[in-house]
Amino acid sequence: VTQYMTIFDLNCRLCPRLATFLDEVKAANPAYFCRPVPPFGDDAPRLLIVGLAPGLHGANRTGRPFTGDHAGILLYHTLHKLGFSSAPTSASADDGLRLIDCRITNAVKCLPPANKPETSEIVNCNSYLAAELAQLPQAIVLALGNVAHAAVLRAFRLKPKDYVFGHGARHVLPHGQVLYDSYHCSRYNTQTRRLTEAMFHEVFRHIRNELEN
């Protein structure tokens, strides 16, 4: 966690609803991480993936983004396939998996009730995302879902109407940074086939091609 301290606060309790909820979940599940979840991956990645928020039995349990829950299955499999991860599955924070030229972070660092952060909580947490993005001016950014997309735009003080979210969309931001969009790799999206494995892989192939060329 140390390398991320300027862009992350493990003891943050800015959002009363989230802080209270984490205390309740910790009381019911003493072994769970139940704190703001730090970014995971390279110090100077060329790809920054922005998710929504920790999952109850995923990152909130393990302390590592997308680790140990359904949403991580497709993500880590895809990262490994495209050369961004040392292994195709992520079971626990101490499983030895490394990200390669990649980092994963979240728009909201704490577990929200019902997986739905309130707007004020997204705004409160945005300064951490903005600081992280400011440290990575050359990185391609991939937003998983519309909430993450909007949070990235907020961090850059850009208007959503000027950069409309769409799966597979590629946006060149005013300072030259590139933002890609994908539907979130959630259980709901994959089980309803809104997002297929082929669709997800295609987004990462475009990113990989752009990085190599």
C-alpha atoms as a PDB file:
ATOM      1  CA  VAL A   1       0.000   0.000   0.000  1.00  0.00           C
ATOM      2  CA  THR A   2       2.883   2.375   0.749  1.00  0.00           C
ATOM      3  CA  GLN A   3       3.472   3.529  -2.835  1.00  0.00           C
ATOM      4  CA  TYR A   4      -0.158   4.656  -3.065  1.00  0.00           C
ATOM      5  CA  MET A   5      -0.382   6.655   0.158  1.00  0.00           C
ATOM      6  CA  THR A   6      -0.513  10.000  -1.642  1.00  0.00           C
ATOM      7  CA  ILE A   7      -3.544   8.842  -3.637  1.00  0.00           C
ATOM      8  CA  PHE A   8      -5.237   6.745  -1.000  1.00  0.00           C
ATOM      9  CA  ASP A   9      -6.162   6.781   2.698  1.00  0.00           C
ATOM     10  CA  LEU A  10      -6.692   3.428   4.392  1.00  0.00           C
ATOM     11  CA  ASN A  11      -8.329   5.215   7.326  1.00  0.00           C
ATOM     12  CA  CYS A  12     -10.665   7.427   5.307  1.00  0.00           C
ATOM     13  CA  ARG A  13     -14.135   7.886   6.863  1.00  0.00           C
ATOM     14  CA  LEU A  14     -15.325  10.840   4.771  1.00  0.00           C
ATOM     15  CA  CYS A  15     -18.662   9.163   4.008  1.00  0.00           C
ATOM     16  CA  PRO A  16     -20.684   8.482   7.182  1.00  0.00           C
ATOM     17  CA  ARG A  17     -23.042   5.985   5.534  1.00  0.00           C
ATOM     18  CA  LEU A  18     -20.182   3.940   4.096  1.00  0.00           C
ATOM     19  CA  ALA A  19     -18.092   4.084   7.267  1.00  0.00           C
ATOM     20  CA  THR A  20     -21.053   2.888   9.364  1.00  0.00           C
ATOM     21  CA  PHE A  21     -21.844   0.113   6.885  1.00  0.00           C
ATOM     22  CA  LEU A  22     -18.229  -1.098   6.902  1.00  0.00           C
ATOM     23  CA  ASP A  23     -18.325  -1.246  10.714  1.00  0.00           C
ATOM     24  CA  GLU A  24     -21.481  -3.350  10.552  1.00  0.00           C
ATOM     25  CA  VAL A  25     -20.055  -5.732   7.942  1.00  0.00           C
ATOM     26  CA  LYS A  26     -16.824  -6.077   9.956  1.00  0.00           C
ATOM     27  CA  ALA A  27     -18.794  -6.956  13.092  1.00  0.00           C
ATOM     28  CA  ALA A  28     -20.612  -9.699  11.169  1.00  0.00           C
ATOM     29  CA  ASN A  29     -17.469 -10.855   9.322  1.00  0.00           C
ATOM     30  CA  PRO A  30     -14.406 -10.254  11.546  1.00  0.00           C
ATOM     31  CA  ALA A  31     -11.997 -11.807   9.020  1.00  0.00           C
ATOM     32  CA  TYR A  32     -13.041  -9.433   6.208  1.00  0.00           C
ATOM     33  CA  PHE A  33     -10.849  -6.472   5.171  1.00  0.00           C
ATOM     34  CA  CYS A  34     -13.713  -3.950   5.557  1.00  0.00           C
ATOM     35  CA  ARG A  35     -11.712  -0.786   4.889  1.00  0.00           C
ATOM     36  CA  PRO A  36     -11.123   1.436   1.880  1.00  0.00           C
ATOM     37  CA  VAL A  37      -9.555  -0.883  -0.720  1.00  0.00           C
ATOM     38  CA  PRO A  38      -6.224   0.334  -2.127  1.00  0.00           C
ATOM     39  CA  PRO A  39      -5.349   0.344  -5.821  1.00  0.00           C
ATOM     40  CA  PHE A  40      -3.492  -2.766  -6.992  1.00  0.00           C
ATOM     41  CA  GLY A  41      -0.794  -3.119  -9.633  1.00  0.00           C
ATOM     42  CA  ASP A  42       2.211  -1.373 -11.150  1.00  0.00           C
ATOM     43  CA  ASP A  43       3.585   1.896  -9.798  1.00  0.00           C
ATOM     44  CA  ALA A  44       3.814   3.347 -13.320  1.00  0.00           C
ATOM     45  CA  PRO A  45       1.323   1.419 -15.454  1.00  0.00           C
ATOM     46  CA  ARG A  46       0.400   2.223 -19.049  1.00  0.00           C
ATOM     47  CA  LEU A  47      -3.145   0.959 -18.354  1.00  0.00           C
ATOM     48  CA  LEU A  48      -5.300   2.122 -15.451  1.00  0.00           C
ATOM     49  CA  ILE A  49      -8.565   0.219 -15.000  1.00  0.00           C
ATOM     50  CA  VAL A  50     -11.270   2.036 -13.025  1.00  0.00           C
ATOM     51  CA  GLY A  51     -14.013  -0.096 -11.476  1.00  0.00           C
ATOM     52  CA  LEU A  52     -17.063   0.937  -9.486  1.00  0.00           C
ATOM     53  CA  ALA A  53     -16.536  -0.092  -5.847  1.00  0.00           C
ATOM     54  CA  PRO A  54     -15.452  -3.120  -3.787  1.00  0.00           C
ATOM     55  CA  GLY A  55     -17.830  -6.091  -3.742  1.00  0.00           C
ATOM     56  CA  LEU A  56     -19.128  -7.380  -0.398  1.00  0.00           C
ATOM     57  CA  HIS A  57     -17.497 -10.813  -0.624  1.00  0.00           C
ATOM     58  CA  GLY A  58     -14.819  -9.778  -3.138  1.00  0.00           C
ATOM     59  CA  ALA A  59     -12.468  -6.856  -2.580  1.00  0.00           C
ATOM     60  CA  ASN A  60     -14.178  -5.905   0.670  1.00  0.00           C
ATOM     61  CA  ARG A  61     -13.288  -9.388   1.953  1.00  0.00           C
ATOM     62  CA  THR A  62      -9.823  -9.778   0.422  1.00  0.00           C
ATOM     63  CA  GLY A  63      -8.540  -6.188   0.342  1.00  0.00           C
ATOM     64  CA  ARG A  64      -7.639  -6.345  -3.359  1.00  0.00           C
ATOM     65  CA  PRO A  65      -9.770  -5.023  -6.259  1.00  0.00           C
ATOM     66  CA  PHE A  66     -11.867  -7.650  -8.085  1.00  0.00           C
ATOM     67  CA  THR A  67     -10.282 -10.466  -6.066  1.00  0.00           C
ATOM     68  CA  GLY A  68     -12.411 -13.341  -4.828  1.00  0.00           C
ATOM     69  CA  ASP A  69     -15.740 -12.470  -6.453  1.00  0.00           C
ATOM     70  CA  HIS A  70     -17.611 -13.141  -9.693  1.00  0.00           C
ATOM     71  CA  ALA A  71     -16.706  -9.844 -11.375  1.00  0.00           C
ATOM     72  CA  GLY A  72     -13.030 -10.702 -11.084  1.00  0.00           C
ATOM     73  CA  ILE A  73     -13.326 -14.001 -12.955  1.00  0.00           C
ATOM     74  CA  LEU A  74     -13.678 -12.462 -16.411  1.00  0.00           C
ATOM     75  CA  LEU A  75     -11.409  -9.503 -15.622  1.00  0.00           C
ATOM     76  CA  TYR A  76      -8.369 -11.493 -14.455  1.00  0.00           C
ATOM     77  CA  HIS A  77      -8.832 -14.124 -17.163  1.00  0.00           C
ATOM     78  CA  THR A  78      -8.830 -11.330 -19.760  1.00  0.00           C
ATOM     79  CA  LEU A  79      -5.860  -9.518 -18.213  1.00  0.00           C
ATOM     80  CA  HIS A  80      -3.845 -12.741 -18.285  1.00  0.00           C
ATOM     81  CA  LYS A  81      -4.858 -13.529 -21.871  1.00  0.00           C
ATOM     82  CA  LEU A  82      -3.709 -10.096 -23.051  1.00  0.00           C
ATOM     83  CA  GLY A  83      -0.460 -10.128 -21.055  1.00  0.00           C
ATOM     84  CA  PHE A  84      -1.444  -7.751 -18.246  1.00  0.00           C
ATOM     85  CA  SER A  85      -1.463 -10.326 -15.433  1.00  0.00           C
ATOM     86  CA  SER A  86       0.843 -13.127 -14.285  1.00  0.00           C
ATOM     87  CA  ALA A  87      -2.070 -15.509 -13.622  1.00  0.00           C
ATOM     88  CA  PRO A  88      -5.632 -16.017 -14.942  1.00  0.00           C
ATOM     89  CA  THR A  89      -7.352 -16.231 -11.556  1.00  0.00           C
ATOM     90  CA  SER A  90      -7.249 -14.069  -8.442  1.00  0.00           C
ATOM     91  CA  ALA A  91      -8.329 -15.844  -5.276  1.00  0.00           C
ATOM     92  CA  SER A  92      -6.729 -13.890  -2.431  1.00  0.00           C
ATOM     93  CA  ALA A  93      -4.534 -10.864  -1.867  1.00  0.00           C
ATOM     94  CA  ASP A  94      -1.529 -13.082  -1.043  1.00  0.00           C
ATOM     95  CA  ASP A  95      -1.797 -15.504  -3.990  1.00  0.00           C
ATOM     96  CA  GLY A  96       1.298 -14.063  -5.677  1.00  0.00           C
ATOM     97  CA  LEU A  97      -0.540 -12.686  -8.716  1.00  0.00           C
ATOM     98  CA  ARG A  98       1.162  -9.660 -10.273  1.00  0.00           C
ATOM     99  CA  LEU A  99      -0.223  -7.137 -12.705  1.00  0.00           C
ATOM    100  CA  ILE A 100       2.039  -6.241 -15.628  1.00  0.00           C
ATOM    101  CA  ASP A 101       2.003  -2.633 -16.932  1.00  0.00           C
ATOM    102  CA  CYS A 102      -1.463  -2.318 -15.396  1.00  0.00           C
ATOM    103  CA  ARG A 103      -3.193  -1.080 -12.245  1.00  0.00           C
ATOM    104  CA  ILE A 104      -6.750  -1.507 -10.990  1.00  0.00           C
ATOM    105  CA  THR A 105      -8.487   1.129  -8.888  1.00  0.00           C
ATOM    106  CA  ASN A 106     -12.097   2.005  -8.037  1.00  0.00           C
ATOM    107  CA  ALA A 107     -14.247   5.115  -8.380  1.00  0.00           C
ATOM    108  CA  VAL A 108     -15.415   4.487  -4.796  1.00  0.00           C
ATOM    109  CA  LYS A 109     -12.916   2.834  -2.464  1.00  0.00           C
ATOM    110  CA  CYS A 110     -15.398   1.540   0.147  1.00  0.00           C
ATOM    111  CA  LEU A 111     -18.132  -1.082  -0.087  1.00  0.00           C
ATOM    112  CA  PRO A 112     -21.518   0.624  -0.620  1.00  0.00           C
ATOM    113  CA  PRO A 113     -24.813  -0.917   0.568  1.00  0.00           C
ATOM    114  CA  ALA A 114     -26.503  -2.843  -2.278  1.00  0.00           C
ATOM    115  CA  ASN A 115     -23.452  -2.053  -4.464  1.00  0.00           C
ATOM    116  CA  LYS A 116     -24.864   1.440  -5.050  1.00  0.00           C
ATOM    117  CA  PRO A 117     -22.821   4.436  -3.922  1.00  0.00           C
ATOM    118  CA  GLU A 118     -24.689   7.704  -3.549  1.00  0.00           C
ATOM    119  CA  THR A 119     -23.643  10.674  -5.676  1.00  0.00           C
ATOM    120  CA  SER A 120     -22.188  12.464  -2.646  1.00  0.00           C
ATOM    121  CA  GLU A 121     -19.989   9.425  -1.927  1.00  0.00           C
ATOM    122  CA  ILE A 122     -18.706   9.318  -5.509  1.00  0.00           C
ATOM    123  CA  VAL A 123     -17.907  13.033  -5.207  1.00  0.00           C
ATOM    124  CA  ASN A 124     -16.189  12.587  -1.811  1.00  0.00           C
ATOM    125  CA  CYS A 125     -13.971   9.807  -3.164  1.00  0.00           C
ATOM    126  CA  ASN A 126     -13.188  11.551  -6.441  1.00  0.00           C
ATOM    127  CA  SER A 127     -10.197  13.457  -5.090  1.00  0.00           C
ATOM    128  CA  TYR A 128      -8.343  10.140  -4.656  1.00  0.00           C
ATOM    129  CA  LEU A 129      -9.082   9.142  -8.248  1.00  0.00           C
ATOM    130  CA  ALA A 130      -8.113  12.601  -9.506  1.00  0.00           C
ATOM    131  CA  ALA A 131      -4.781  12.407  -7.678  1.00  0.00           C
ATOM    132  CA  GLU A 132      -4.123   8.952  -9.098  1.00  0.00           C
ATOM    133  CA  LEU A 133      -4.920  10.055 -12.651  1.00  0.00           C
ATOM    134  CA  ALA A 134      -2.712  13.126 -12.247  1.00  0.00           C
ATOM    135  CA  GLN A 135       0.230  10.837 -11.430  1.00  0.00           C
ATOM    136  CA  LEU A 136      -0.338   8.805 -14.622  1.00  0.00           C
ATOM    137  CA  PRO A 137      -0.657  11.349 -17.456  1.00  0.00           C
ATOM    138  CA  GLN A 138       0.509   8.862 -20.111  1.00  0.00           C
ATOM    139  CA  ALA A 139      -1.692   5.931 -19.079  1.00  0.00           C
ATOM    140  CA  ILE A 140      -4.659   4.701 -21.090  1.00  0.00           C
ATOM    141  CA  VAL A 141      -7.705   4.656 -18.797  1.00  0.00           C
ATOM    142  CA  LEU A 142     -10.381   1.961 -19.030  1.00  0.00           C
ATOM    143  CA  ALA A 143     -13.681   2.688 -17.265  1.00  0.00           C
ATOM    144  CA  LEU A 144     -15.737  -0.363 -16.324  1.00  0.00           C
ATOM    145  CA  GLY A 145     -19.306   0.893 -16.420  1.00  0.00           C
ATOM    146  CA  ASN A 146     -20.958   4.293 -16.609  1.00  0.00           C
ATOM    147  CA  VAL A 147     -20.342   5.230 -12.947  1.00  0.00           C
ATOM    148  CA  ALA A 148     -16.593   4.735 -13.386  1.00  0.00           C
ATOM    149  CA  HIS A 149     -16.728   6.607 -16.711  1.00  0.00           C
ATOM    150  CA  ALA A 150     -18.483   9.569 -15.063  1.00  0.00           C
ATOM    151  CA  ALA A 151     -16.022   9.506 -12.150  1.00  0.00           C
ATOM    152  CA  VAL A 152     -13.052   9.728 -14.528  1.00  0.00           C
ATOM    153  CA  LEU A 153     -14.661  12.683 -16.328  1.00  0.00           C
ATOM    154  CA  ARG A 154     -15.370  14.346 -12.969  1.00  0.00           C
ATOM    155  CA  ALA A 155     -11.724  13.895 -11.973  1.00  0.00           C
ATOM    156  CA  PHE A 156     -10.703  15.723 -15.164  1.00  0.00           C
ATOM    157  CA  ARG A 157     -13.514  18.300 -14.740  1.00  0.00           C
ATOM    158  CA  LEU A 158     -15.081  17.310 -18.036  1.00  0.00           C
ATOM    159  CA  LYS A 159     -18.779  17.196 -18.924  1.00  0.00           C
ATOM    160  CA  PRO A 160     -20.436  13.776 -19.487  1.00  0.00           C
ATOM    161  CA  LYS A 161     -22.438  15.141 -22.427  1.00  0.00           C
ATOM    162  CA  ASP A 162     -19.174  15.721 -24.300  1.00  0.00           C
ATOM    163  CA  TYR A 163     -17.960  12.127 -23.795  1.00  0.00           C
ATOM    164  CA  VAL A 164     -20.904   9.744 -23.912  1.00  0.00           C
ATOM    165  CA  PHE A 165     -20.424   6.305 -22.356  1.00  0.00           C
ATOM    166  CA  GLY A 166     -20.701   3.344 -24.683  1.00  0.00           C
ATOM    167  CA  HIS A 167     -19.252  -0.153 -24.637  1.00  0.00           C
ATOM    168  CA  GLY A 168     -16.068  -0.141 -26.720  1.00  0.00           C
ATOM    169  CA  ALA A 169     -16.055   3.638 -27.041  1.00  0.00           C
ATOM    170  CA  ARG A 170     -12.693   5.412 -27.256  1.00  0.00           C
ATOM    171  CA  HIS A 171     -12.457   9.042 -26.165  1.00  0.00           C
ATOM    172  CA  VAL A 172      -9.468  11.351 -26.599  1.00  0.00           C
ATOM    173  CA  LEU A 173      -9.565  13.803 -23.703  1.00  0.00           C
ATOM    174  CA  PRO A 174      -8.434  17.456 -24.060  1.00  0.00           C
ATOM    175  CA  HIS A 175      -4.939  16.868 -22.675  1.00  0.00           C
ATOM    176  CA  GLY A 176      -4.408  13.871 -24.999  1.00  0.00           C
ATOM    177  CA  GLN A 177      -5.120  11.065 -22.545  1.00  0.00           C
ATOM    178  CA  VAL A 178      -7.240   8.232 -23.942  1.00  0.00           C
ATOM    179  CA  LEU A 179     -10.314   6.851 -22.154  1.00  0.00           C
ATOM    180  CA  TYR A 180     -11.875   3.550 -23.183  1.00  0.00           C
ATOM    181  CA  ASP A 181     -15.280   2.337 -21.971  1.00  0.00           C
ATOM    182  CA  SER A 182     -16.573  -1.156 -21.289  1.00  0.00           C
ATOM    183  CA  TYR A 183     -19.675  -2.538 -19.678  1.00  0.00           C
ATOM    184  CA  HIS A 184     -18.823  -3.632 -16.156  1.00  0.00           C
ATOM    185  CA  CYS A 185     -17.834  -7.296 -15.826  1.00  0.00           C
ATOM    186  CA  SER A 186     -20.461  -7.840 -13.119  1.00  0.00           C
ATOM    187  CA  ARG A 187     -22.318 -11.098 -12.588  1.00  0.00           C
ATOM    188  CA  TYR A 188     -25.516  -9.445 -13.832  1.00  0.00           C
ATOM    189  CA  ASN A 189     -23.958  -8.214 -17.072  1.00  0.00           C
ATOM    190  CA  THR A 190     -22.210 -11.494 -17.883  1.00  0.00           C
ATOM    191  CA  GLN A 191     -25.153 -13.730 -16.971  1.00  0.00           C
ATOM    192  CA  THR A 192     -27.632 -11.657 -19.005  1.00  0.00           C
ATOM    193  CA  ARG A 193     -25.091 -11.635 -21.888  1.00  0.00           C
ATOM    194  CA  ARG A 194     -25.108  -7.871 -22.000  1.00  0.00           C
ATOM    195  CA  LEU A 195     -21.358  -8.360 -21.795  1.00  0.00           C
ATOM    196  CA  THR A 196     -19.860 -11.466 -23.396  1.00  0.00           C
ATOM    197  CA  GLU A 197     -16.305 -12.707 -23.040  1.00  0.00           C
ATOM    198  CA  ALA A 198     -15.679 -11.866 -26.718  1.00  0.00           C
ATOM    199  CA  MET A 199     -16.931  -8.294 -26.235  1.00  0.00           C
ATOM    200  CA  PHE A 200     -14.692  -7.795 -23.201  1.00  0.00           C
ATOM    201  CA  HIS A 201     -11.637  -9.310 -24.896  1.00  0.00           C
ATOM    202  CA  GLU A 202     -12.165  -7.037 -27.892  1.00  0.00           C
ATOM    203  CA  VAL A 203     -11.858  -3.883 -25.759  1.00  0.00           C
ATOM    204  CA  PHE A 204      -8.606  -5.139 -24.252  1.00  0.00           C
ATOM    205  CA  ARG A 205      -7.277  -6.101 -27.694  1.00  0.00           C
ATOM    206  CA  HIS A 206      -7.813  -2.520 -28.890  1.00  0.00           C
ATOM    207  CA  ILE A 207      -5.972  -1.234 -25.808  1.00  0.00           C
ATOM    208  CA  ARG A 208      -3.121  -3.709 -26.266  1.00  0.00           C
ATOM    209  CA  ASN A 209      -2.792  -2.752 -29.946  1.00  0.00           C
ATOM    210  CA  GLU A 210      -2.723   0.943 -29.059  1.00  0.00           C
ATOM    211  CA  LEU A 211      -0.041   0.401 -26.408  1.00  0.00           C
ATOM    212  CA  GLU A 212       2.144  -1.622 -28.797  1.00  0.00           C
ATOM    213  CA  ASN A 213       1.753   0.750 -31.734  1.00  0.00           C
END
